[in-house]
C-alpha atoms as a PDB file:
ATOM      1  CA  UNK A   1      -0.088   0.235   0.525  1.00  0.00           C
ATOM      2  CA  UNK A   2       1.108   3.917  -0.625  1.00  0.00           C
ATOM      3  CA  UNK A   3      -0.035   6.763   1.016  1.00  0.00           C
ATOM      4  CA  UNK A   4      -1.510   8.986  -1.486  1.00  0.00           C
ATOM      5  CA  UNK A   5      -0.917  11.494  -3.380  1.00  0.00           C
ATOM      6  CA  UNK A   6      -1.716  15.402  -2.761  1.00  0.00           C
ATOM      7  CA  UNK A   7      -2.429  18.237  -5.059  1.00  0.00           C
ATOM      8  CA  UNK A   8       0.036  19.135  -7.898  1.00  0.00           C
ATOM      9  CA  UNK A   9       1.579  22.165  -7.565  1.00  0.00           C
ATOM     10  CA  UNK A  10      -0.238  25.605  -7.968  1.00  0.00           C
ATOM     11  CA  UNK A  11      -3.829  24.133  -7.165  1.00  0.00           C
ATOM     12  CA  UNK A  12      -5.768  25.168  -4.041  1.00  0.00           C
ATOM     13  CA  UNK A  13      -4.241  25.015  -0.548  1.00  0.00           C
ATOM     14  CA  UNK A  14      -5.343  21.632   0.784  1.00  0.00           C
ATOM     15  CA  UNK A  15      -7.546  21.303   4.288  1.00  0.00           C
ATOM     16  CA  UNK A  16      -7.324  20.456   7.488  1.00  0.00           C
ATOM     17  CA  UNK A  17     -10.649  20.160   9.896  1.00  0.00           C
ATOM     18  CA  UNK A  18      -9.283  20.441  13.735  1.00  0.00           C
ATOM     19  CA  UNK A  19     -11.744  19.398  15.619  1.00  0.00           C
ATOM     20  CA  UNK A  20     -11.821  21.401  18.682  1.00  0.00           C
ATOM     21  CA  UNK A  21      -9.532  23.874  19.654  1.00  0.00           C
ATOM     22  CA  UNK A  22      -6.113  22.982  20.976  1.00  0.00           C
ATOM     23  CA  UNK A  23      -3.158  24.139  23.264  1.00  0.00           C
ATOM     24  CA  UNK A  24       0.228  25.300  21.135  1.00  0.00           C
ATOM     25  CA  UNK A  25       1.331  26.179  18.144  1.00  0.00           C
ATOM     26  CA  UNK A  26       0.600  23.557  15.970  1.00  0.00           C
ATOM     27  CA  UNK A  27      -2.940  25.267  14.698  1.00  0.00           C
ATOM     28  CA  UNK A  28      -0.605  28.144  13.905  1.00  0.00           C
ATOM     29  CA  UNK A  29       2.084  25.810  12.279  1.00  0.00           C
ATOM     30  CA  UNK A  30      -0.807  24.333  10.055  1.00  0.00           C
ATOM     31  CA  UNK A  31      -2.101  27.835   8.387  1.00  0.00           C
ATOM     32  CA  UNK A  32       1.561  28.505   7.007  1.00  0.00           C
ATOM     33  CA  UNK A  33       0.765  25.145   4.808  1.00  0.00           C
ATOM     34  CA  UNK A  34      -2.914  25.109   4.663  1.00  0.00           C
ATOM     35  CA  UNK A  35      -6.362  26.404   5.046  1.00  0.00           C
ATOM     36  CA  UNK A  36      -7.433  25.138   8.705  1.00  0.00           C
ATOM     37  CA  UNK A  37     -10.824  25.506   9.865  1.00  0.00           C
ATOM     38  CA  UNK A  38     -11.312  24.528  14.185  1.00  0.00           C
ATOM     39  CA  UNK A  39     -14.639  23.721  15.216  1.00  0.00           C
ATOM     40  CA  UNK A  40     -15.652  26.434  17.671  1.00  0.00           C
ATOM     41  CA  UNK A  41     -17.475  24.382  20.325  1.00  0.00           C
ATOM     42  CA  UNK A  42     -16.274  24.813  24.190  1.00  0.00           C
ATOM     43  CA  UNK A  43     -16.342  20.771  24.133  1.00  0.00           C
ATOM     44  CA  UNK A  44     -16.275  17.647  22.644  1.00  0.00           C
ATOM     45  CA  UNK A  45     -17.546  17.858  18.970  1.00  0.00           C
ATOM     46  CA  UNK A  46     -20.982  17.049  17.750  1.00  0.00           C
ATOM     47  CA  UNK A  47     -21.262  13.980  15.888  1.00  0.00           C
ATOM     48  CA  UNK A  48     -23.043  15.822  12.875  1.00  0.00           C
ATOM     49  CA  UNK A  49     -20.679  18.639  12.906  1.00  0.00           C
ATOM     50  CA  UNK A  50     -17.894  15.463  13.154  1.00  0.00           C
ATOM     51  CA  UNK A  51     -18.867  14.575   9.913  1.00  0.00           C
ATOM     52  CA  UNK A  52     -19.575  18.073   8.232  1.00  0.00           C
ATOM     53  CA  UNK A  53     -15.995  19.068   9.626  1.00  0.00           C
ATOM     54  CA  UNK A  54     -14.296  15.765   7.841  1.00  0.00           C
ATOM     55  CA  UNK A  55     -16.191  16.014   4.481  1.00  0.00           C
ATOM     56  CA  UNK A  56     -14.913  19.279   3.888  1.00  0.00           C
ATOM     57  CA  UNK A  57     -11.600  18.634   4.437  1.00  0.00           C
ATOM     58  CA  UNK A  58      -8.220  16.384   3.543  1.00  0.00           C
ATOM     59  CA  UNK A  59      -7.207  16.384   7.016  1.00  0.00           C
ATOM     60  CA  UNK A  60      -8.590  15.757  10.420  1.00  0.00           C
ATOM     61  CA  UNK A  61      -6.477  16.806  13.980  1.00  0.00           C
ATOM     62  CA  UNK A  62      -8.164  14.830  16.521  1.00  0.00           C
ATOM     63  CA  UNK A  63      -9.330  14.431  20.030  1.00  0.00           C
ATOM     64  CA  UNK A  64      -9.589  11.397  21.974  1.00  0.00           C
ATOM     65  CA  UNK A  65     -13.428  12.522  22.712  1.00  0.00           C
ATOM     66  CA  UNK A  66     -13.887  11.799  18.630  1.00  0.00           C
ATOM     67  CA  UNK A  67     -14.864   8.957  17.631  1.00  0.00           C
ATOM     68  CA  UNK A  68     -13.421   7.495  14.261  1.00  0.00           C
ATOM     69  CA  UNK A  69     -15.030   4.452  13.695  1.00  0.00           C
ATOM     70  CA  UNK A  70     -15.823   2.074  10.567  1.00  0.00           C
ATOM     71  CA  UNK A  71     -18.991   4.275   9.178  1.00  0.00           C
ATOM     72  CA  UNK A  72     -16.671   7.953   9.680  1.00  0.00           C
ATOM     73  CA  UNK A  73     -14.267   6.447   7.647  1.00  0.00           C
ATOM     74  CA  UNK A  74     -16.252   4.919   4.886  1.00  0.00           C
ATOM     75  CA  UNK A  75     -18.289   8.181   3.905  1.00  0.00           C
ATOM     76  CA  UNK A  76     -15.001   9.943   4.584  1.00  0.00           C
ATOM     77  CA  UNK A  77     -12.149   7.767   2.312  1.00  0.00           C
ATOM     78  CA  UNK A  78     -10.751  10.673   0.785  1.00  0.00           C
ATOM     79  CA  UNK A  79      -9.301  11.685   3.770  1.00  0.00           C
ATOM     80  CA  UNK A  80      -5.530  11.394   3.093  1.00  0.00           C
ATOM     81  CA  UNK A  81      -4.491  11.606   7.473  1.00  0.00           C
ATOM     82  CA  UNK A  82      -6.427  11.722  10.819  1.00  0.00           C
ATOM     83  CA  UNK A  83      -3.898  12.721  13.069  1.00  0.00           C
ATOM     84  CA  UNK A  84      -5.184  11.715  16.631  1.00  0.00           C
ATOM     85  CA  UNK A  85      -3.732  14.320  19.271  1.00  0.00           C
ATOM     86  CA  UNK A  86      -3.128  11.920  22.013  1.00  0.00           C
ATOM     87  CA  UNK A  87      -0.869   8.874  22.491  1.00  0.00           C
ATOM     88  CA  UNK A  88      -3.776   6.926  22.783  1.00  0.00           C
ATOM     89  CA  UNK A  89      -5.677   5.671  19.927  1.00  0.00           C
ATOM     90  CA  UNK A  90      -8.677   3.546  21.368  1.00  0.00           C
ATOM     91  CA  UNK A  91     -10.803   6.151  19.869  1.00  0.00           C
ATOM     92  CA  UNK A  92     -10.244   5.265  16.567  1.00  0.00           C
ATOM     93  CA  UNK A  93     -11.149   2.155  14.201  1.00  0.00           C
ATOM     94  CA  UNK A  94      -7.255   1.473  13.390  1.00  0.00           C
ATOM     95  CA  UNK A  95      -8.984  -1.422  10.964  1.00  0.00           C
ATOM     96  CA  UNK A  96     -11.366   0.087   9.383  1.00  0.00           C
ATOM     97  CA  UNK A  97      -8.881   3.635   8.864  1.00  0.00           C
ATOM     98  CA  UNK A  98      -6.378   1.098   6.873  1.00  0.00           C
ATOM     99  CA  UNK A  99      -8.681  -0.571   4.974  1.00  0.00           C
ATOM    100  CA  UNK A 100      -9.461   2.680   4.147  1.00  0.00           C
ATOM    101  CA  UNK A 101      -5.949   3.275   2.813  1.00  0.00           C
ATOM    102  CA  UNK A 102      -6.260   6.139   5.703  1.00  0.00           C
ATOM    103  CA  UNK A 103      -2.404   7.230   7.860  1.00  0.00           C
ATOM    104  CA  UNK A 104      -3.225   7.858  11.634  1.00  0.00           C
ATOM    105  CA  UNK A 105      -1.360   9.199  13.333  1.00  0.00           C
ATOM    106  CA  UNK A 106      -0.449   9.597  17.052  1.00  0.00           C
ATOM    107  CA  UNK A 107       1.681  11.845  19.648  1.00  0.00           C
ATOM    108  CA  UNK A 108       3.820   9.419  21.561  1.00  0.00           C
ATOM    109  CA  UNK A 109       7.402  10.699  23.622  1.00  0.00           C
ATOM    110  CA  UNK A 110       6.383  14.233  23.978  1.00  0.00           C
ATOM    111  CA  UNK A 111       4.490  13.795  26.915  1.00  0.00           C
ATOM    112  CA  UNK A 112       6.148  10.941  28.459  1.00  0.00           C
ATOM    113  CA  UNK A 113       7.418  13.342  31.451  1.00  0.00           C
ATOM    114  CA  UNK A 114       4.078  14.734  32.355  1.00  0.00           C
ATOM    115  CA  UNK A 115       2.198  11.358  32.833  1.00  0.00           C
ATOM    116  CA  UNK A 116       4.755   9.270  34.405  1.00  0.00           C
ATOM    117  CA  UNK A 117       5.366  12.659  36.621  1.00  0.00           C
ATOM    118  CA  UNK A 118       1.545  12.828  37.189  1.00  0.00           C
ATOM    119  CA  UNK A 119       1.652   9.623  38.301  1.00  0.00           C
ATOM    120  CA  UNK A 120       4.047   9.902  41.105  1.00  0.00           C
ATOM    121  CA  UNK A 121       1.903  13.353  42.076  1.00  0.00           C
ATOM    122  CA  UNK A 122      -0.563  10.399  43.051  1.00  0.00           C
ATOM    123  CA  UNK A 123       1.311   8.342  44.646  1.00  0.00           C
ATOM    124  CA  UNK A 124       2.283  11.129  46.546  1.00  0.00           C
ATOM    125  CA  UNK A 125      -1.042  12.377  47.215  1.00  0.00           C
ATOM    126  CA  UNK A 126      -2.296   8.598  48.589  1.00  0.00           C
ATOM    127  CA  UNK A 127       0.802   8.066  50.392  1.00  0.00           C
ATOM    128  CA  UNK A 128       1.313  11.671  52.013  1.00  0.00           C
ATOM    129  CA  UNK A 129      -2.890  12.109  52.993  1.00  0.00           C
ATOM    130  CA  UNK A 130      -2.177  15.271  50.922  1.00  0.00           C
ATOM    131  CA  UNK A 131      -5.631  15.355  49.664  1.00  0.00           C
ATOM    132  CA  UNK A 132      -7.465  14.369  53.087  1.00  0.00           C
ATOM    133  CA  UNK A 133      -5.458  16.489  54.693  1.00  0.00           C
ATOM    134  CA  UNK A 134      -6.364  19.775  52.569  1.00  0.00           C
ATOM    135  CA  UNK A 135      -9.879  18.778  53.272  1.00  0.00           C
ATOM    136  CA  UNK A 136      -9.540  18.408  56.719  1.00  0.00           C
ATOM    137  CA  UNK A 137      -7.688  21.943  57.368  1.00  0.00           C
ATOM    138  CA  UNK A 138     -10.058  23.775  55.235  1.00  0.00           C
ATOM    139  CA  UNK A 139     -13.201  22.364  56.977  1.00  0.00           C
ATOM    140  CA  UNK A 140     -11.685  23.869  60.134  1.00  0.00           C
ATOM    141  CA  UNK A 141     -10.680  20.677  62.204  1.00  0.00           C
ATOM    142  CA  UNK A 142      -7.808  21.362  62.539  1.00  0.00           C
ATOM    143  CA  UNK A 143      -7.147  21.999  66.040  1.00  0.00           C
ATOM    144  CA  UNK A 144      -4.160  21.529  67.631  1.00  0.00           C
ATOM    145  CA  UNK A 145      -1.098  19.007  66.572  1.00  0.00           C
ATOM    146  CA  UNK A 146      -1.933  15.919  67.243  1.00  0.00           C
ATOM    147  CA  UNK A 147       0.797  12.842  66.905  1.00  0.00           C
ATOM    148  CA  UNK A 148      -1.491  10.390  65.599  1.00  0.00           C
ATOM    149  CA  UNK A 149      -3.317  12.660  63.049  1.00  0.00           C
ATOM    150  CA  UNK A 150      -3.894  11.385  59.345  1.00  0.00           C
ATOM    151  CA  UNK A 151      -1.004   9.055  59.721  1.00  0.00           C
ATOM    152  CA  UNK A 152       0.813   8.013  55.663  1.00  0.00           C
ATOM    153  CA  UNK A 153       3.206   6.116  54.816  1.00  0.00           C
ATOM    154  CA  UNK A 154       6.963   6.416  53.805  1.00  0.00           C
ATOM    155  CA  UNK A 155       8.309   5.682  49.970  1.00  0.00           C
ATOM    156  CA  UNK A 156      11.253   4.251  51.112  1.00  0.00           C
ATOM    157  CA  UNK A 157      11.933   0.874  51.016  1.00  0.00           C
ATOM    158  CA  UNK A 158       8.665  -0.342  49.943  1.00  0.00           C
ATOM    159  CA  UNK A 159       7.700  -2.280  47.098  1.00  0.00           C
ATOM    160  CA  UNK A 160       6.342  -0.272  43.826  1.00  0.00           C
ATOM    161  CA  UNK A 161       4.412  -2.749  41.138  1.00  0.00           C
ATOM    162  CA  UNK A 162       4.906  -1.187  37.017  1.00  0.00           C
ATOM    163  CA  UNK A 163       2.547  -2.639  34.966  1.00  0.00           C
ATOM    164  CA  UNK A 164       3.677  -1.898  31.494  1.00  0.00           C
ATOM    165  CA  UNK A 165       7.057  -0.364  31.261  1.00  0.00           C
ATOM    166  CA  UNK A 166       6.970   1.405  28.001  1.00  0.00           C
ATOM    167  CA  UNK A 167       8.400   4.673  27.801  1.00  0.00           C
ATOM    168  CA  UNK A 168       5.792   6.127  30.146  1.00  0.00           C
ATOM    169  CA  UNK A 169       5.899   2.617  32.885  1.00  0.00           C
ATOM    170  CA  UNK A 170       9.926   3.260  32.272  1.00  0.00           C
ATOM    171  CA  UNK A 171      10.216   6.568  33.189  1.00  0.00           C
ATOM    172  CA  UNK A 172       7.684   6.152  36.197  1.00  0.00           C
ATOM    173  CA  UNK A 173      10.288   3.135  37.283  1.00  0.00           C
ATOM    174  CA  UNK A 174      13.045   5.733  37.390  1.00  0.00           C
ATOM    175  CA  UNK A 175      11.201   8.167  39.641  1.00  0.00           C
ATOM    176  CA  UNK A 176       9.879   4.916  42.250  1.00  0.00           C
ATOM    177  CA  UNK A 177      13.536   4.001  42.326  1.00  0.00           C
ATOM    178  CA  UNK A 178      14.453   7.239  42.911  1.00  0.00           C
ATOM    179  CA  UNK A 179      13.065   7.250  45.975  1.00  0.00           C
ATOM    180  CA  UNK A 180      14.470   4.187  47.260  1.00  0.00           C
ATOM    181  CA  UNK A 181      11.393   2.300  46.249  1.00  0.00           C
ATOM    182  CA  UNK A 182      11.640  -1.843  45.366  1.00  0.00           C
ATOM    183  CA  UNK A 183      10.752  -2.175  41.697  1.00  0.00           C
ATOM    184  CA  UNK A 184       9.288  -5.056  39.962  1.00  0.00           C
ATOM    185  CA  UNK A 185       7.543  -4.874  36.384  1.00  0.00           C
ATOM    186  CA  UNK A 186       5.712  -6.973  34.127  1.00  0.00           C
ATOM    187  CA  UNK A 187       4.753  -6.449  30.584  1.00  0.00           C
ATOM    188  CA  UNK A 188       4.787  -8.648  27.347  1.00  0.00           C
ATOM    189  CA  UNK A 189       8.635  -8.540  27.325  1.00  0.00           C
ATOM    190  CA  UNK A 190      11.282  -8.667  29.705  1.00  0.00           C
ATOM    191  CA  UNK A 191      13.288  -4.954  29.703  1.00  0.00           C
ATOM    192  CA  UNK A 192      16.951  -5.759  30.656  1.00  0.00           C
ATOM    193  CA  UNK A 193      18.125  -2.349  30.762  1.00  0.00           C
ATOM    194  CA  UNK A 194      15.815  -1.486  33.815  1.00  0.00           C
ATOM    195  CA  UNK A 195      17.080  -4.636  35.410  1.00  0.00           C
ATOM    196  CA  UNK A 196      20.508  -3.468  34.808  1.00  0.00           C
ATOM    197  CA  UNK A 197      19.371  -0.357  35.549  1.00  0.00           C
ATOM    198  CA  UNK A 198      17.343   0.407  38.123  1.00  0.00           C
ATOM    199  CA  UNK A 199      17.010  -3.111  39.583  1.00  0.00           C
ATOM    200  CA  UNK A 200      13.735  -4.293  38.493  1.00  0.00           C
ATOM    201  CA  UNK A 201      12.638  -7.477  38.549  1.00  0.00           C
ATOM    202  CA  UNK A 202      10.278  -9.008  35.673  1.00  0.00           C
ATOM    203  CA  UNK A 203       7.087 -10.844  37.041  1.00  0.00           C
ATOM    204  CA  UNK A 204       3.766 -11.997  36.265  1.00  0.00           C
ATOM    205  CA  UNK A 205       1.219  -9.871  37.103  1.00  0.00           C
ATOM    206  CA  UNK A 206      -0.357 -11.860  39.982  1.00  0.00           C
ATOM    207  CA  UNK A 207       3.099 -11.783  41.515  1.00  0.00           C
ATOM    208  CA  UNK A 208       3.074  -8.241  40.913  1.00  0.00           C
ATOM    209  CA  UNK A 209       0.153  -7.880  42.936  1.00  0.00           C
ATOM    210  CA  UNK A 210       0.694  -9.506  45.881  1.00  0.00           C
ATOM    211  CA  UNK A 211       4.105  -7.594  46.779  1.00  0.00           C
ATOM    212  CA  UNK A 212       3.805  -4.575  46.154  1.00  0.00           C
ATOM    213  CA  UNK A 213       2.466  -1.516  48.180  1.00  0.00           C
ATOM    214  CA  UNK A 214       1.731   0.449  44.667  1.00  0.00           C
ATOM    215  CA  UNK A 215       1.040  -0.601  41.119  1.00  0.00           C
ATOM    216  CA  UNK A 216       0.727   1.973  38.992  1.00  0.00           C
ATOM    217  CA  UNK A 217      -0.856   0.818  35.422  1.00  0.00           C
ATOM    218  CA  UNK A 218       0.994   1.800  32.144  1.00  0.00           C
ATOM    219  CA  UNK A 219      -0.510  -0.258  29.385  1.00  0.00           C
ATOM    220  CA  UNK A 220      -2.614   1.216  26.401  1.00  0.00           C
ATOM    221  CA  UNK A 221      -6.291   0.155  25.916  1.00  0.00           C
ATOM    222  CA  UNK A 222      -6.349  -3.039  24.141  1.00  0.00           C
ATOM    223  CA  UNK A 223      -8.414  -6.422  24.013  1.00  0.00           C
ATOM    224  CA  UNK A 224      -6.324  -7.814  26.063  1.00  0.00           C
ATOM    225  CA  UNK A 225      -6.071  -5.219  28.785  1.00  0.00           C
ATOM    226  CA  UNK A 226      -9.636  -4.389  29.296  1.00  0.00           C
ATOM    227  CA  UNK A 227     -10.439  -5.057  32.720  1.00  0.00           C
ATOM    228  CA  UNK A 228      -7.226  -6.490  33.555  1.00  0.00           C
ATOM    229  CA  UNK A 229      -7.299  -5.202  36.907  1.00  0.00           C
ATOM    230  CA  UNK A 230     -10.399  -6.685  37.856  1.00  0.00           C
ATOM    231  CA  UNK A 231     -12.299  -8.324  41.101  1.00  0.00           C
ATOM    232  CA  UNK A 232     -10.090 -11.072  41.043  1.00  0.00           C
ATOM    233  CA  UNK A 233      -7.011  -9.260  40.138  1.00  0.00           C
ATOM    234  CA  UNK A 234      -7.920  -6.503  43.128  1.00  0.00           C
ATOM    235  CA  UNK A 235      -7.934  -9.418  45.467  1.00  0.00           C
ATOM    236  CA  UNK A 236      -5.301 -10.392  44.785  1.00  0.00           C
ATOM    237  CA  UNK A 237      -3.565  -7.156  46.378  1.00  0.00           C
ATOM    238  CA  UNK A 238      -2.483  -6.370  49.546  1.00  0.00           C
ATOM    239  CA  UNK A 239      -5.102  -4.675  52.127  1.00  0.00           C
ATOM    240  CA  UNK A 240      -2.147  -1.859  52.649  1.00  0.00           C
ATOM    241  CA  UNK A 241      -1.630  -1.064  49.120  1.00  0.00           C
ATOM    242  CA  UNK A 242      -2.382   1.412  46.440  1.00  0.00           C
ATOM    243  CA  UNK A 243      -3.158   1.501  42.887  1.00  0.00           C
ATOM    244  CA  UNK A 244      -2.662   4.433  40.488  1.00  0.00           C
ATOM    245  CA  UNK A 245      -4.096   4.439  36.888  1.00  0.00           C
ATOM    246  CA  UNK A 246      -3.097   7.394  34.740  1.00  0.00           C
ATOM    247  CA  UNK A 247      -3.129   5.242  31.856  1.00  0.00           C
ATOM    248  CA  UNK A 248      -6.969   4.566  30.395  1.00  0.00           C
ATOM    249  CA  UNK A 249     -10.237   3.361  31.906  1.00  0.00           C
ATOM    250  CA  UNK A 250     -11.344   0.548  31.013  1.00  0.00           C
ATOM    251  CA  UNK A 251      -8.394  -1.237  31.816  1.00  0.00           C
ATOM    252  CA  UNK A 252      -9.867  -1.179  35.412  1.00  0.00           C
ATOM    253  CA  UNK A 253     -12.645  -2.230  36.148  1.00  0.00           C
ATOM    254  CA  UNK A 254     -14.187   0.542  37.961  1.00  0.00           C
ATOM    255  CA  UNK A 255     -17.033  -0.822  39.524  1.00  0.00           C
ATOM    256  CA  UNK A 256     -14.672  -3.812  40.786  1.00  0.00           C
ATOM    257  CA  UNK A 257     -12.404  -0.825  42.214  1.00  0.00           C
ATOM    258  CA  UNK A 258     -15.429   0.911  44.232  1.00  0.00           C
ATOM    259  CA  UNK A 259     -16.549  -2.448  46.449  1.00  0.00           C
ATOM    260  CA  UNK A 260     -12.675  -3.431  47.236  1.00  0.00           C
ATOM    261  CA  UNK A 261     -12.093  -0.060  48.542  1.00  0.00           C
ATOM    262  CA  UNK A 262     -15.383   0.055  50.194  1.00  0.00           C
ATOM    263  CA  UNK A 263     -14.411  -3.019  51.543  1.00  0.00           C
ATOM    264  CA  UNK A 264     -11.041  -1.982  52.045  1.00  0.00           C
ATOM    265  CA  UNK A 265      -9.370  -4.862  50.666  1.00  0.00           C
ATOM    266  CA  UNK A 266      -7.168  -2.238  49.607  1.00  0.00           C
ATOM    267  CA  UNK A 267      -6.155   1.161  50.770  1.00  0.00           C
ATOM    268  CA  UNK A 268      -6.656   3.340  48.418  1.00  0.00           C
ATOM    269  CA  UNK A 269      -6.442   4.670  44.712  1.00  0.00           C
ATOM    270  CA  UNK A 270      -5.322   7.421  42.613  1.00  0.00           C
ATOM    271  CA  UNK A 271      -7.231   8.190  38.939  1.00  0.00           C
ATOM    272  CA  UNK A 272      -6.681  10.038  36.566  1.00  0.00           C
ATOM    273  CA  UNK A 273      -9.057   7.960  33.873  1.00  0.00           C
ATOM    274  CA  UNK A 274     -12.404   6.714  34.045  1.00  0.00           C
ATOM    275  CA  UNK A 275     -13.417   3.792  32.243  1.00  0.00           C
ATOM    276  CA  UNK A 276     -17.339   5.619  31.863  1.00  0.00           C
ATOM    277  CA  UNK A 277     -15.617   9.264  31.245  1.00  0.00           C
ATOM    278  CA  UNK A 278     -17.004  11.863  32.328  1.00  0.00           C
ATOM    279  CA  UNK A 279     -18.001  10.497  35.307  1.00  0.00           C
ATOM    280  CA  UNK A 280     -16.164   8.043  37.450  1.00  0.00           C
ATOM    281  CA  UNK A 281     -18.084   5.428  39.202  1.00  0.00           C
ATOM    282  CA  UNK A 282     -20.870   6.554  41.329  1.00  0.00           C
ATOM    283  CA  UNK A 283     -20.214   5.868  45.261  1.00  0.00           C
ATOM    284  CA  UNK A 284     -16.282   6.808  44.103  1.00  0.00           C
ATOM    285  CA  UNK A 285     -15.832  10.314  44.797  1.00  0.00           C
ATOM    286  CA  UNK A 286     -17.489   9.863  48.264  1.00  0.00           C
ATOM    287  CA  UNK A 287     -14.284   8.234  48.848  1.00  0.00           C
ATOM    288  CA  UNK A 288     -11.612   9.846  50.885  1.00  0.00           C
ATOM    289  CA  UNK A 289      -9.005   7.217  50.041  1.00  0.00           C
ATOM    290  CA  UNK A 290      -9.108   7.812  46.651  1.00  0.00           C
ATOM    291  CA  UNK A 291      -7.728  11.375  44.342  1.00  0.00           C
ATOM    292  CA  UNK A 292      -9.254  11.514  41.722  1.00  0.00           C
ATOM    293  CA  UNK A 293      -8.321  14.291  38.989  1.00  0.00           C
ATOM    294  CA  UNK A 294      -9.836  14.916  35.555  1.00  0.00           C
ATOM    295  CA  UNK A 295      -7.824  13.626  32.701  1.00  0.00           C
ATOM    296  CA  UNK A 296      -5.186  15.910  32.894  1.00  0.00           C
ATOM    297  CA  UNK A 297      -1.908  13.653  33.380  1.00  0.00           C
ATOM    298  CA  UNK A 298      -0.281  15.508  30.247  1.00  0.00           C
ATOM    299  CA  UNK A 299      -1.967  18.236  30.920  1.00  0.00           C
ATOM    300  CA  UNK A 300       1.587  20.636  31.238  1.00  0.00           C
ATOM    301  CA  UNK A 301       2.137  23.585  29.167  1.00  0.00           C
ATOM    302  CA  UNK A 302       5.463  21.815  27.451  1.00  0.00           C
ATOM    303  CA  UNK A 303       3.408  18.664  26.852  1.00  0.00           C
ATOM    304  CA  UNK A 304       0.413  19.650  25.058  1.00  0.00           C
ATOM    305  CA  UNK A 305       2.669  21.823  23.086  1.00  0.00           C
ATOM    306  CA  UNK A 306       4.505  19.278  21.391  1.00  0.00           C
ATOM    307  CA  UNK A 307       1.892  17.271  21.075  1.00  0.00           C
ATOM    308  CA  UNK A 308       0.122  19.571  18.613  1.00  0.00           C
ATOM    309  CA  UNK A 309       3.552  20.273  17.213  1.00  0.00           C
ATOM    310  CA  UNK A 310       3.884  16.971  16.499  1.00  0.00           C
ATOM    311  CA  UNK A 311      -0.088  16.451  15.618  1.00  0.00           C
ATOM    312  CA  UNK A 312       1.068  19.291  13.022  1.00  0.00           C
ATOM    313  CA  UNK A 313       4.312  17.748  11.530  1.00  0.00           C
ATOM    314  CA  UNK A 314       2.683  14.538  11.297  1.00  0.00           C
ATOM    315  CA  UNK A 315      -0.327  16.121   8.883  1.00  0.00           C
ATOM    316  CA  UNK A 316       1.802  18.318   7.136  1.00  0.00           C
ATOM    317  CA  UNK A 317       4.299  15.327   6.152  1.00  0.00           C
ATOM    318  CA  UNK A 318       0.690  13.564   4.921  1.00  0.00           C
ATOM    319  CA  UNK A 319      -0.607  15.911   2.812  1.00  0.00           C
ATOM    320  CA  UNK A 320       3.221  16.284   1.315  1.00  0.00           C
ATOM    321  CA  UNK A 321       3.002  12.463   0.558  1.00  0.00           C
ATOM    322  CA  UNK A 322       5.885  11.956   2.831  1.00  0.00           C
ATOM    323  CA  UNK A 323       5.571   9.583   5.221  1.00  0.00           C
ATOM    324  CA  UNK A 324       4.115  10.885   8.763  1.00  0.00           C
ATOM    325  CA  UNK A 325       5.935  10.890  11.488  1.00  0.00           C
ATOM    326  CA  UNK A 326       4.331   9.060  13.625  1.00  0.00           C
ATOM    327  CA  UNK A 327       2.171   6.878  11.316  1.00  0.00           C
ATOM    328  CA  UNK A 328       0.372   4.169  13.554  1.00  0.00           C
ATOM    329  CA  UNK A 329      -0.613   1.909  10.870  1.00  0.00           C
ATOM    330  CA  UNK A 330       2.093   1.093   9.554  1.00  0.00           C
ATOM    331  CA  UNK A 331       1.252  -1.844   6.814  1.00  0.00           C
ATOM    332  CA  UNK A 332      -0.068   1.596   4.806  1.00  0.00           C
ATOM    333  CA  UNK A 333       3.458   1.911   3.799  1.00  0.00           C
ATOM    334  CA  UNK A 334       4.475  -1.280   3.106  1.00  0.00           C
END
């Protein structure tokens, strides 16, 4: 398969549809080369407007909230690229896109630091009970120093289990080791570099859950990882252990997690993503042992700017007949 040929010199500028305004310099970069239309709504785009914009355009810059399914793709086979403003692309029917000869790209690498740092922030907030303490003080409950008040846990010497050691998971390993934590990890393949540099030990998922004091999830959403953390696996965790998820919401069976937290099967959880976004499972927000953030792990000025630039670079390459730097469906260029 080959990427599609683009316009010839002298033809009208090609058109790019951006499904929602995004931060960073990416849109500005696109406007130097193409006619760009940015959807004006403050929130996810409606389905009719998504389809209308795609029919107008040669390229679409999409967000995770945009469903790029078989129906969308079959109606817009003229598209030369769909550039997803995210590392994950579970919002896109990749198989259908490949069948329609439409390149799909993502934004890997540029948000690694931001997401790994956020996972550490959630771990810190849980271990030191930061959110609970903040609410306690704001409610006027702090009357005097108390030696038993809001006792947390130290990280030094604790075991940290890392599920998935791609770019983000590997950096999280580095951060956890800096806290002098013992690292165990699981993945589809061993990573000798992590074992050599940080003393990380490869193990099975069940073994990892049984021995870890903190468990941080860093896997993509695939059929094999959906509900990877469920009622059965949660029962393997220590009652003093904490779960952190900055990957994709459906990796964790959120209803099972709520029940485990309610029954105090585990000590707490830090979630940046949710199975039924944008709403967490009912009752989860009422638990003091849970720290919740609204899918902001990549929400730094630096990361979002680099994401927008990389998305723009993918589009510029595709509309000039070149292979995009972050092409996901690589079969198109074989």
